[in-house]
């Protein structure tokens, strides 16, 4: 039998915040950032620009993007202005598809 998610019986939806304090996203509005990502060869390390998901107007942080040797993923790591470290992995081909959709002029 599965354990319940909450310990109380209520029909209210708990306030689940999907964004945490270390949630930073790639700046895909920055043309150079997109070009660096698009040109990354498998196994290559590139610089990437990220910003806090909660504050799109915040200063950009330079992070490190490493395309995996098989070319399937882009591993992103960064250090915030407060010294906290964060990282995540993105599917490289899906990322390229997203960039192409953002740069395509209708």
PDB file of N, CA and C in Angstrom:
ATOM      1  N   UNK A   1       0.845  -1.176   0.000  1.00  0.00           N
ATOM      2  CA  UNK A   1       0.000   0.000   0.000  1.00  0.00           C
ATOM      3  C   UNK A   1       0.887   1.235   0.000  1.00  0.00           C
ATOM      4  N   UNK A   2       0.555   2.214  -0.820  1.00  0.00           N
ATOM      5  CA  UNK A   2       1.345   3.435  -0.939  1.00  0.00           C
ATOM      6  C   UNK A   2       1.103   4.352   0.251  1.00  0.00           C
ATOM      7  N   UNK A   3       2.146   5.050   0.638  1.00  0.00           N
ATOM      8  CA  UNK A   3       2.022   6.030   1.724  1.00  0.00           C
ATOM      9  C   UNK A   3       1.335   7.275   1.209  1.00  0.00           C
ATOM     10  N   UNK A   4       0.521   7.918   2.039  1.00  0.00           N
ATOM     11  CA  UNK A   4      -0.126   9.145   1.603  1.00  0.00           C
ATOM     12  C   UNK A   4       0.894  10.271   1.455  1.00  0.00           C
ATOM     13  N   UNK A   5       0.596  11.206   0.555  1.00  0.00           N
ATOM     14  CA  UNK A   5       1.481  12.351   0.331  1.00  0.00           C
ATOM     15  C   UNK A   5       1.426  13.304   1.516  1.00  0.00           C
ATOM     16  N   UNK A   6       0.256  13.498   2.066  1.00  0.00           N
ATOM     17  CA  UNK A   6       0.109  14.398   3.213  1.00  0.00           C
ATOM     18  C   UNK A   6      -0.433  13.618   4.395  1.00  0.00           C
ATOM     19  N   UNK A   7      -0.261  14.155   5.580  1.00  0.00           N
ATOM     20  CA  UNK A   7      -0.724  13.469   6.778  1.00  0.00           C
ATOM     21  C   UNK A   7      -2.092  13.957   7.227  1.00  0.00           C
ATOM     22  N   UNK A   8      -2.688  14.836   6.501  1.00  0.00           N
ATOM     23  CA  UNK A   8      -3.996  15.324   6.875  1.00  0.00           C
ATOM     24  C   UNK A   8      -4.974  15.067   5.743  1.00  0.00           C
ATOM     25  N   UNK A   9      -6.226  14.936   6.112  1.00  0.00           N
ATOM     26  CA  UNK A   9      -7.249  14.717   5.098  1.00  0.00           C
ATOM     27  C   UNK A   9      -7.842  16.068   4.725  1.00  0.00           C
ATOM     28  N   UNK A  10      -7.611  16.424   3.497  1.00  0.00           N
ATOM     29  CA  UNK A  10      -8.111  17.704   3.021  1.00  0.00           C
ATOM     30  C   UNK A  10      -8.233  17.618   1.508  1.00  0.00           C
ATOM     31  N   UNK A  11      -9.168  18.351   0.996  1.00  0.00           N
ATOM     32  CA  UNK A  11      -9.320  18.416  -0.450  1.00  0.00           C
ATOM     33  C   UNK A  11      -8.586  19.618  -1.022  1.00  0.00           C
ATOM     34  N   UNK A  12      -7.929  20.384  -0.147  1.00  0.00           N
ATOM     35  CA  UNK A  12      -7.149  21.516  -0.629  1.00  0.00           C
ATOM     36  C   UNK A  12      -5.879  20.992  -1.293  1.00  0.00           C
ATOM     37  N   UNK A  13      -5.451  21.685  -2.320  1.00  0.00           N
ATOM     38  CA  UNK A  13      -4.207  21.337  -2.981  1.00  0.00           C
ATOM     39  C   UNK A  13      -3.081  22.016  -2.212  1.00  0.00           C
ATOM     40  N   UNK A  14      -2.084  21.256  -1.764  1.00  0.00           N
ATOM     41  CA  UNK A  14      -0.990  21.897  -1.045  1.00  0.00           C
ATOM     42  C   UNK A  14      -0.236  22.860  -1.951  1.00  0.00           C
ATOM     43  N   UNK A  15       0.321  23.891  -1.360  1.00  0.00           N
ATOM     44  CA  UNK A  15       1.070  24.881  -2.118  1.00  0.00           C
ATOM     45  C   UNK A  15       2.445  24.310  -2.437  1.00  0.00           C
ATOM     46  N   UNK A  16       2.557  23.737  -3.602  1.00  0.00           N
ATOM     47  CA  UNK A  16       3.817  23.144  -4.027  1.00  0.00           C
ATOM     48  C   UNK A  16       4.506  24.135  -4.953  1.00  0.00           C
ATOM     49  N   UNK A  17       5.677  24.565  -4.549  1.00  0.00           N
ATOM     50  CA  UNK A  17       6.440  25.518  -5.338  1.00  0.00           C
ATOM     51  C   UNK A  17       7.480  24.750  -6.141  1.00  0.00           C
ATOM     52  N   UNK A  18       7.322  24.686  -7.477  1.00  0.00           N
ATOM     53  CA  UNK A  18       8.263  23.898  -8.268  1.00  0.00           C
ATOM     54  C   UNK A  18       9.639  24.542  -8.403  1.00  0.00           C
ATOM     55  N   UNK A  19       9.756  25.824  -8.070  1.00  0.00           N
ATOM     56  CA  UNK A  19      11.030  26.502  -8.190  1.00  0.00           C
ATOM     57  C   UNK A  19      11.699  26.608  -6.832  1.00  0.00           C
ATOM     58  N   UNK A  20      12.925  26.206  -6.762  1.00  0.00           N
ATOM     59  CA  UNK A  20      13.691  26.322  -5.536  1.00  0.00           C
ATOM     60  C   UNK A  20      14.650  27.489  -5.630  1.00  0.00           C
ATOM     61  N   UNK A  21      15.385  27.761  -4.575  1.00  0.00           N
ATOM     62  CA  UNK A  21      16.276  28.913  -4.563  1.00  0.00           C
ATOM     63  C   UNK A  21      17.444  28.796  -5.543  1.00  0.00           C
ATOM     64  N   UNK A  22      17.779  27.589  -5.965  1.00  0.00           N
ATOM     65  CA  UNK A  22      18.887  27.422  -6.906  1.00  0.00           C
ATOM     66  C   UNK A  22      18.424  27.194  -8.336  1.00  0.00           C
ATOM     67  N   UNK A  23      17.187  27.498  -8.636  1.00  0.00           N
ATOM     68  CA  UNK A  23      16.693  27.291  -9.991  1.00  0.00           C
ATOM     69  C   UNK A  23      17.120  28.445 -10.893  1.00  0.00           C
ATOM     70  N   UNK A  24      18.099  28.167 -11.706  1.00  0.00           N
ATOM     71  CA  UNK A  24      18.605  29.121 -12.681  1.00  0.00           C
ATOM     72  C   UNK A  24      18.397  28.509 -14.055  1.00  0.00           C
ATOM     73  N   UNK A  25      18.080  29.353 -15.020  1.00  0.00           N
ATOM     74  CA  UNK A  25      17.807  28.850 -16.357  1.00  0.00           C
ATOM     75  C   UNK A  25      18.748  29.497 -17.371  1.00  0.00           C
ATOM     76  N   UNK A  26      18.960  28.806 -18.465  1.00  0.00           N
ATOM     77  CA  UNK A  26      19.801  29.344 -19.529  1.00  0.00           C
ATOM     78  C   UNK A  26      19.146  30.573 -20.142  1.00  0.00           C
ATOM     79  N   UNK A  27      19.944  31.565 -20.445  1.00  0.00           N
ATOM     80  CA  UNK A  27      19.444  32.767 -21.106  1.00  0.00           C
ATOM     81  C   UNK A  27      19.421  32.511 -22.607  1.00  0.00           C
ATOM     82  N   UNK A  28      18.269  32.077 -23.107  1.00  0.00           N
ATOM     83  CA  UNK A  28      18.138  31.779 -24.532  1.00  0.00           C
ATOM     84  C   UNK A  28      17.755  33.004 -25.343  1.00  0.00           C
ATOM     85  N   UNK A  29      17.598  34.154 -24.693  1.00  0.00           N
ATOM     86  CA  UNK A  29      17.357  35.400 -25.407  1.00  0.00           C
ATOM     87  C   UNK A  29      18.682  36.046 -25.815  1.00  0.00           C
ATOM     88  N   UNK A  30      19.774  35.557 -25.290  1.00  0.00           N
ATOM     89  CA  UNK A  30      21.095  36.091 -25.572  1.00  0.00           C
ATOM     90  C   UNK A  30      21.665  35.351 -26.791  1.00  0.00           C
ATOM     91  N   UNK A  31      21.866  36.067 -27.891  1.00  0.00           N
ATOM     92  CA  UNK A  31      22.287  35.434 -29.152  1.00  0.00           C
ATOM     93  C   UNK A  31      23.618  34.707 -29.017  1.00  0.00           C
ATOM     94  N   UNK A  32      24.579  35.271 -28.309  1.00  0.00           N
ATOM     95  CA  UNK A  32      25.873  34.608 -28.162  1.00  0.00           C
ATOM     96  C   UNK A  32      25.731  33.332 -27.359  1.00  0.00           C
ATOM     97  N   UNK A  33      24.890  33.360 -26.337  1.00  0.00           N
ATOM     98  CA  UNK A  33      24.683  32.168 -25.518  1.00  0.00           C
ATOM     99  C   UNK A  33      24.156  31.021 -26.390  1.00  0.00           C
ATOM    100  N   UNK A  34      23.177  31.342 -27.228  1.00  0.00           N
ATOM    101  CA  UNK A  34      22.620  30.323 -28.125  1.00  0.00           C
ATOM    102  C   UNK A  34      23.673  29.829 -29.108  1.00  0.00           C
ATOM    103  N   UNK A  35      24.492  30.742 -29.636  1.00  0.00           N
ATOM    104  CA  UNK A  35      25.533  30.350 -30.589  1.00  0.00           C
ATOM    105  C   UNK A  35      26.567  29.445 -29.918  1.00  0.00           C
ATOM    106  N   UNK A  36      26.950  29.754 -28.686  1.00  0.00           N
ATOM    107  CA  UNK A  36      27.911  28.903 -27.969  1.00  0.00           C
ATOM    108  C   UNK A  36      27.340  27.498 -27.798  1.00  0.00           C
ATOM    109  N   UNK A  37      26.060  27.428 -27.435  1.00  0.00           N
ATOM    110  CA  UNK A  37      25.413  26.130 -27.213  1.00  0.00           C
ATOM    111  C   UNK A  37      25.336  25.345 -28.519  1.00  0.00           C
ATOM    112  N   UNK A  38      24.922  26.028 -29.589  1.00  0.00           N
ATOM    113  CA  UNK A  38      24.766  25.355 -30.883  1.00  0.00           C
ATOM    114  C   UNK A  38      26.090  24.816 -31.428  1.00  0.00           C
ATOM    115  N   UNK A  39      27.179  25.505 -31.151  1.00  0.00           N
ATOM    116  CA  UNK A  39      28.480  25.112 -31.702  1.00  0.00           C
ATOM    117  C   UNK A  39      29.254  24.144 -30.817  1.00  0.00           C
ATOM    118  N   UNK A  40      28.738  23.831 -29.650  1.00  0.00           N
ATOM    119  CA  UNK A  40      29.469  22.957 -28.718  1.00  0.00           C
ATOM    120  C   UNK A  40      29.645  21.566 -29.318  1.00  0.00           C
ATOM    121  N   UNK A  41      30.861  21.129 -29.381  1.00  0.00           N
ATOM    122  CA  UNK A  41      31.171  19.781 -29.873  1.00  0.00           C
ATOM    123  C   UNK A  41      31.046  18.789 -28.720  1.00  0.00           C
ATOM    124  N   UNK A  42      30.775  17.530 -29.025  1.00  0.00           N
ATOM    125  CA  UNK A  42      30.737  16.524 -27.957  1.00  0.00           C
ATOM    126  C   UNK A  42      32.029  16.548 -27.127  1.00  0.00           C
ATOM    127  N   UNK A  43      31.869  16.584 -25.806  1.00  0.00           N
ATOM    128  CA  UNK A  43      33.001  16.636 -24.890  1.00  0.00           C
ATOM    129  C   UNK A  43      33.536  18.036 -24.631  1.00  0.00           C
ATOM    130  N   UNK A  44      33.043  19.023 -25.343  1.00  0.00           N
ATOM    131  CA  UNK A  44      33.552  20.392 -25.209  1.00  0.00           C
ATOM    132  C   UNK A  44      32.911  21.129 -24.038  1.00  0.00           C
ATOM    133  N   UNK A  45      33.709  21.946 -23.357  1.00  0.00           N
ATOM    134  CA  UNK A  45      33.227  22.820 -22.290  1.00  0.00           C
ATOM    135  C   UNK A  45      33.076  24.222 -22.862  1.00  0.00           C
ATOM    136  N   UNK A  46      31.950  24.847 -22.577  1.00  0.00           N
ATOM    137  CA  UNK A  46      31.669  26.203 -23.056  1.00  0.00           C
ATOM    138  C   UNK A  46      31.165  27.047 -21.895  1.00  0.00           C
ATOM    139  N   UNK A  47      31.224  28.363 -22.043  1.00  0.00           N
ATOM    140  CA  UNK A  47      30.593  29.191 -21.034  1.00  0.00           C
ATOM    141  C   UNK A  47      29.135  29.386 -21.427  1.00  0.00           C
ATOM    142  N   UNK A  48      28.297  29.474 -20.424  1.00  0.00           N
ATOM    143  CA  UNK A  48      26.866  29.701 -20.632  1.00  0.00           C
ATOM    144  C   UNK A  48      26.398  30.785 -19.671  1.00  0.00           C
ATOM    145  N   UNK A  49      25.371  31.494 -20.059  1.00  0.00           N
ATOM    146  CA  UNK A  49      24.784  32.515 -19.204  1.00  0.00           C
ATOM    147  C   UNK A  49      23.489  31.983 -18.612  1.00  0.00           C
ATOM    148  N   UNK A  50      23.336  32.110 -17.301  1.00  0.00           N
ATOM    149  CA  UNK A  50      22.128  31.683 -16.608  1.00  0.00           C
ATOM    150  C   UNK A  50      21.620  32.837 -15.745  1.00  0.00           C
ATOM    151  N   UNK A  51      20.345  32.748 -15.381  1.00  0.00           N
ATOM    152  CA  UNK A  51      19.761  33.739 -14.479  1.00  0.00           C
ATOM    153  C   UNK A  51      18.712  33.060 -13.611  1.00  0.00           C
ATOM    154  N   UNK A  52      18.393  33.684 -12.460  1.00  0.00           N
ATOM    155  CA  UNK A  52      17.405  33.067 -11.571  1.00  0.00           C
ATOM    156  C   UNK A  52      16.031  33.022 -12.236  1.00  0.00           C
ATOM    157  N   UNK A  53      15.390  31.879 -12.173  1.00  0.00           N
ATOM    158  CA  UNK A  53      14.076  31.710 -12.801  1.00  0.00           C
ATOM    159  C   UNK A  53      13.051  32.692 -12.236  1.00  0.00           C
ATOM    160  N   UNK A  54      13.196  33.058 -10.984  1.00  0.00           N
ATOM    161  CA  UNK A  54      12.245  33.974 -10.351  1.00  0.00           C
ATOM    162  C   UNK A  54      12.475  35.436 -10.707  1.00  0.00           C
ATOM    163  N   UNK A  55      13.641  35.761 -11.297  1.00  0.00           N
ATOM    164  CA  UNK A  55      13.968  37.165 -11.567  1.00  0.00           C
ATOM    165  C   UNK A  55      14.660  37.298 -12.919  1.00  0.00           C
ATOM    166  N   UNK A  56      13.890  37.314 -14.012  1.00  0.00           N
ATOM    167  CA  UNK A  56      14.489  37.394 -15.348  1.00  0.00           C
ATOM    168  C   UNK A  56      15.313  38.660 -15.590  1.00  0.00           C
ATOM    169  N   UNK A  57      15.108  39.706 -14.793  1.00  0.00           N
ATOM    170  CA  UNK A  57      15.873  40.938 -14.993  1.00  0.00           C
ATOM    171  C   UNK A  57      17.172  40.955 -14.181  1.00  0.00           C
ATOM    172  N   UNK A  58      17.440  39.892 -13.435  1.00  0.00           N
ATOM    173  CA  UNK A  58      18.652  39.817 -12.615  1.00  0.00           C
ATOM    174  C   UNK A  58      19.893  39.749 -13.498  1.00  0.00           C
ATOM    175  N   UNK A  59      21.026  40.156 -12.954  1.00  0.00           N
ATOM    176  CA  UNK A  59      22.277  40.031 -13.718  1.00  0.00           C
ATOM    177  C   UNK A  59      22.542  38.570 -14.079  1.00  0.00           C
ATOM    178  N   UNK A  60      23.118  38.383 -15.244  1.00  0.00           N
ATOM    179  CA  UNK A  60      23.446  37.036 -15.698  1.00  0.00           C
ATOM    180  C   UNK A  60      24.684  36.527 -14.976  1.00  0.00           C
ATOM    181  N   UNK A  61      24.710  35.236 -14.767  1.00  0.00           N
ATOM    182  CA  UNK A  61      25.848  34.576 -14.150  1.00  0.00           C
ATOM    183  C   UNK A  61      26.494  33.715 -15.222  1.00  0.00           C
ATOM    184  N   UNK A  62      27.813  33.780 -15.310  1.00  0.00           N
ATOM    185  CA  UNK A  62      28.524  32.932 -16.258  1.00  0.00           C
ATOM    186  C   UNK A  62      28.731  31.573 -15.606  1.00  0.00           C
ATOM    187  N   UNK A  63      28.227  30.561 -16.268  1.00  0.00           N
ATOM    188  CA  UNK A  63      28.377  29.192 -15.789  1.00  0.00           C
ATOM    189  C   UNK A  63      29.167  28.381 -16.793  1.00  0.00           C
ATOM    190  N   UNK A  64      29.229  27.104 -16.541  1.00  0.00           N
ATOM    191  CA  UNK A  64      29.949  26.188 -17.407  1.00  0.00           C
ATOM    192  C   UNK A  64      28.973  25.181 -17.991  1.00  0.00           C
ATOM    193  N   UNK A  65      29.030  25.017 -19.291  1.00  0.00           N
ATOM    194  CA  UNK A  65      28.247  23.988 -19.967  1.00  0.00           C
ATOM    195  C   UNK A  65      29.201  22.971 -20.568  1.00  0.00           C
ATOM    196  N   UNK A  66      28.954  21.716 -20.319  1.00  0.00           N
ATOM    197  CA  UNK A  66      29.784  20.659 -20.894  1.00  0.00           C
ATOM    198  C   UNK A  66      28.879  19.709 -21.666  1.00  0.00           C
ATOM    199  N   UNK A  67      29.132  19.607 -22.946  1.00  0.00           N
ATOM    200  CA  UNK A  67      28.381  18.639 -23.744  1.00  0.00           C
ATOM    201  C   UNK A  67      28.988  17.265 -23.498  1.00  0.00           C
ATOM    202  N   UNK A  68      28.145  16.311 -23.196  1.00  0.00           N
ATOM    203  CA  UNK A  68      28.646  14.974 -22.887  1.00  0.00           C
ATOM    204  C   UNK A  68      29.384  14.387 -24.096  1.00  0.00           C
ATOM    205  N   UNK A  69      30.320  13.476 -23.842  1.00  0.00           N
ATOM    206  CA  UNK A  69      31.093  12.890 -24.947  1.00  0.00           C
ATOM    207  C   UNK A  69      30.233  12.245 -26.034  1.00  0.00           C
ATOM    208  N   UNK A  70      29.084  11.699 -25.662  1.00  0.00           N
ATOM    209  CA  UNK A  70      28.215  11.100 -26.682  1.00  0.00           C
ATOM    210  C   UNK A  70      27.317  12.136 -27.353  1.00  0.00           C
ATOM    211  N   UNK A  71      27.382  13.394 -26.901  1.00  0.00           N
ATOM    212  CA  UNK A  71      26.625  14.479 -27.525  1.00  0.00           C
ATOM    213  C   UNK A  71      25.170  14.559 -27.128  1.00  0.00           C
ATOM    214  N   UNK A  72      24.706  13.680 -26.252  1.00  0.00           N
ATOM    215  CA  UNK A  72      23.281  13.607 -25.911  1.00  0.00           C
ATOM    216  C   UNK A  72      22.801  14.699 -24.946  1.00  0.00           C
ATOM    217  N   UNK A  73      23.694  15.190 -24.072  1.00  0.00           N
ATOM    218  CA  UNK A  73      23.262  16.103 -23.016  1.00  0.00           C
ATOM    219  C   UNK A  73      24.208  17.294 -22.885  1.00  0.00           C
ATOM    220  N   UNK A  74      23.686  18.369 -22.299  1.00  0.00           N
ATOM    221  CA  UNK A  74      24.493  19.514 -21.911  1.00  0.00           C
ATOM    222  C   UNK A  74      24.380  19.616 -20.397  1.00  0.00           C
ATOM    223  N   UNK A  75      25.512  19.449 -19.721  1.00  0.00           N
ATOM    224  CA  UNK A  75      25.540  19.575 -18.269  1.00  0.00           C
ATOM    225  C   UNK A  75      25.887  21.024 -17.944  1.00  0.00           C
ATOM    226  N   UNK A  76      25.042  21.673 -17.152  1.00  0.00           N
ATOM    227  CA  UNK A  76      25.227  23.077 -16.806  1.00  0.00           C
ATOM    228  C   UNK A  76      25.550  23.168 -15.317  1.00  0.00           C
ATOM    229  N   UNK A  77      26.603  23.885 -14.987  1.00  0.00           N
ATOM    230  CA  UNK A  77      26.925  24.120 -13.581  1.00  0.00           C
ATOM    231  C   UNK A  77      27.247  25.599 -13.404  1.00  0.00           C
ATOM    232  N   UNK A  78      26.968  26.110 -12.219  1.00  0.00           N
ATOM    233  CA  UNK A  78      27.144  27.532 -11.953  1.00  0.00           C
ATOM    234  C   UNK A  78      27.305  27.752 -10.455  1.00  0.00           C
ATOM    235  N   UNK A  79      27.807  28.934 -10.119  1.00  0.00           N
ATOM    236  CA  UNK A  79      27.897  29.374  -8.735  1.00  0.00           C
ATOM    237  C   UNK A  79      27.173  30.713  -8.646  1.00  0.00           C
ATOM    238  N   UNK A  80      26.209  30.814  -7.736  1.00  0.00           N
ATOM    239  CA  UNK A  80      25.436  32.045  -7.593  1.00  0.00           C
ATOM    240  C   UNK A  80      26.293  33.136  -6.962  1.00  0.00           C
ATOM    241  N   UNK A  81      25.787  34.346  -6.963  1.00  0.00           N
ATOM    242  CA  UNK A  81      26.494  35.468  -6.352  1.00  0.00           C
ATOM    243  C   UNK A  81      26.685  35.253  -4.851  1.00  0.00           C
ATOM    244  N   UNK A  82      25.834  34.425  -4.239  1.00  0.00           N
ATOM    245  CA  UNK A  82      25.938  34.103  -2.814  1.00  0.00           C
ATOM    246  C   UNK A  82      26.890  32.942  -2.544  1.00  0.00           C
ATOM    247  N   UNK A  83      27.478  32.365  -3.577  1.00  0.00           N
ATOM    248  CA  UNK A  83      28.403  31.261  -3.407  1.00  0.00           C
ATOM    249  C   UNK A  83      27.772  29.880  -3.428  1.00  0.00           C
ATOM    250  N   UNK A  84      26.463  29.799  -3.637  1.00  0.00           N
ATOM    251  CA  UNK A  84      25.782  28.500  -3.735  1.00  0.00           C
ATOM    252  C   UNK A  84      26.072  27.895  -5.109  1.00  0.00           C
ATOM    253  N   UNK A  85      26.243  26.598  -5.136  1.00  0.00           N
ATOM    254  CA  UNK A  85      26.488  25.915  -6.400  1.00  0.00           C
ATOM    255  C   UNK A  85      25.239  25.191  -6.861  1.00  0.00           C
ATOM    256  N   UNK A  86      25.045  25.195  -8.149  1.00  0.00           N
ATOM    257  CA  UNK A  86      23.915  24.488  -8.724  1.00  0.00           C
ATOM    258  C   UNK A  86      24.318  23.834 -10.029  1.00  0.00           C
ATOM    259  N   UNK A  87      23.548  22.844 -10.435  1.00  0.00           N
ATOM    260  CA  UNK A  87      23.819  22.186 -11.706  1.00  0.00           C
ATOM    261  C   UNK A  87      22.577  21.446 -12.174  1.00  0.00           C
ATOM    262  N   UNK A  88      22.517  21.202 -13.447  1.00  0.00           N
ATOM    263  CA  UNK A  88      21.450  20.400 -14.030  1.00  0.00           C
ATOM    264  C   UNK A  88      21.892  19.885 -15.383  1.00  0.00           C
ATOM    265  N   UNK A  89      21.135  18.961 -15.921  1.00  0.00           N
ATOM    266  CA  UNK A  89      21.454  18.342 -17.209  1.00  0.00           C
ATOM    267  C   UNK A  89      20.259  18.541 -18.138  1.00  0.00           C
ATOM    268  N   UNK A  90      20.551  18.934 -19.363  1.00  0.00           N
ATOM    269  CA  UNK A  90      19.504  19.136 -20.367  1.00  0.00           C
ATOM    270  C   UNK A  90      19.769  18.231 -21.562  1.00  0.00           C
ATOM    271  N   UNK A  91      18.701  17.752 -22.183  1.00  0.00           N
ATOM    272  CA  UNK A  91      18.837  17.006 -23.431  1.00  0.00           C
ATOM    273  C   UNK A  91      19.321  17.956 -24.514  1.00  0.00           C
ATOM    274  N   UNK A  92      20.455  17.658 -25.137  1.00  0.00           N
ATOM    275  CA  UNK A  92      21.070  18.579 -26.095  1.00  0.00           C
ATOM    276  C   UNK A  92      20.201  18.803 -27.330  1.00  0.00           C
ATOM    277  N   UNK A  93      19.650  17.757 -27.890  1.00  0.00           N
ATOM    278  CA  UNK A  93      18.864  17.903 -29.119  1.00  0.00           C
ATOM    279  C   UNK A  93      17.558  18.649 -28.862  1.00  0.00           C
ATOM    280  N   UNK A  94      16.940  18.429 -27.703  1.00  0.00           N
ATOM    281  CA  UNK A  94      15.731  19.184 -27.340  1.00  0.00           C
ATOM    282  C   UNK A  94      16.070  20.659 -27.138  1.00  0.00           C
ATOM    283  N   UNK A  95      17.238  20.921 -26.558  1.00  0.00           N
ATOM    284  CA  UNK A  95      17.678  22.301 -26.363  1.00  0.00           C
ATOM    285  C   UNK A  95      17.888  22.992 -27.698  1.00  0.00           C
ATOM    286  N   UNK A  96      18.534  22.302 -28.644  1.00  0.00           N
ATOM    287  CA  UNK A  96      18.713  22.874 -29.979  1.00  0.00           C
ATOM    288  C   UNK A  96      17.379  23.143 -30.653  1.00  0.00           C
ATOM    289  N   UNK A  97      16.427  22.235 -30.470  1.00  0.00           N
ATOM    290  CA  UNK A  97      15.097  22.435 -31.042  1.00  0.00           C
ATOM    291  C   UNK A  97      14.436  23.683 -30.446  1.00  0.00           C
ATOM    292  N   UNK A  98      14.556  23.858 -29.140  1.00  0.00           N
ATOM    293  CA  UNK A  98      13.991  25.035 -28.481  1.00  0.00           C
ATOM    294  C   UNK A  98      14.641  26.313 -29.004  1.00  0.00           C
ATOM    295  N   UNK A  99      15.954  26.298 -29.142  1.00  0.00           N
ATOM    296  CA  UNK A  99      16.659  27.474 -29.677  1.00  0.00           C
ATOM    297  C   UNK A  99      16.184  27.778 -31.082  1.00  0.00           C
ATOM    298  N   UNK A 100      16.006  26.744 -31.904  1.00  0.00           N
ATOM    299  CA  UNK A 100      15.568  26.989 -33.289  1.00  0.00           C
ATOM    300  C   UNK A 100      14.161  27.574 -33.318  1.00  0.00           C
ATOM    301  N   UNK A 101      13.297  27.130 -32.410  1.00  0.00           N
ATOM    302  CA  UNK A 101      11.952  27.702 -32.355  1.00  0.00           C
ATOM    303  C   UNK A 101      11.980  29.163 -31.920  1.00  0.00           C
ATOM    304  N   UNK A 102      12.872  29.493 -31.011  1.00  0.00           N
ATOM    305  CA  UNK A 102      12.966  30.874 -30.521  1.00  0.00           C
ATOM    306  C   UNK A 102      13.589  31.809 -31.550  1.00  0.00           C
ATOM    307  N   UNK A 103      14.445  31.276 -32.403  1.00  0.00           N
ATOM    308  CA  UNK A 103      15.135  32.136 -33.362  1.00  0.00           C
ATOM    309  C   UNK A 103      14.444  32.179 -34.731  1.00  0.00           C
ATOM    310  N   UNK A 104      13.460  31.311 -34.929  1.00  0.00           N
ATOM    311  CA  UNK A 104      12.750  31.302 -36.213  1.00  0.00           C
ATOM    312  C   UNK A 104      11.819  32.500 -36.276  1.00  0.00           C
ATOM    313  N   UNK A 105      11.928  33.220 -37.357  1.00  0.00           N
ATOM    314  CA  UNK A 105      11.042  34.379 -37.550  1.00  0.00           C
ATOM    315  C   UNK A 105       9.843  33.952 -38.370  1.00  0.00           C
ATOM    316  N   UNK A 106       8.688  34.254 -37.853  1.00  0.00           N
ATOM    317  CA  UNK A 106       7.451  33.850 -38.556  1.00  0.00           C
ATOM    318  C   UNK A 106       7.115  34.821 -39.646  1.00  0.00           C
TER     319      UNK A 106
END
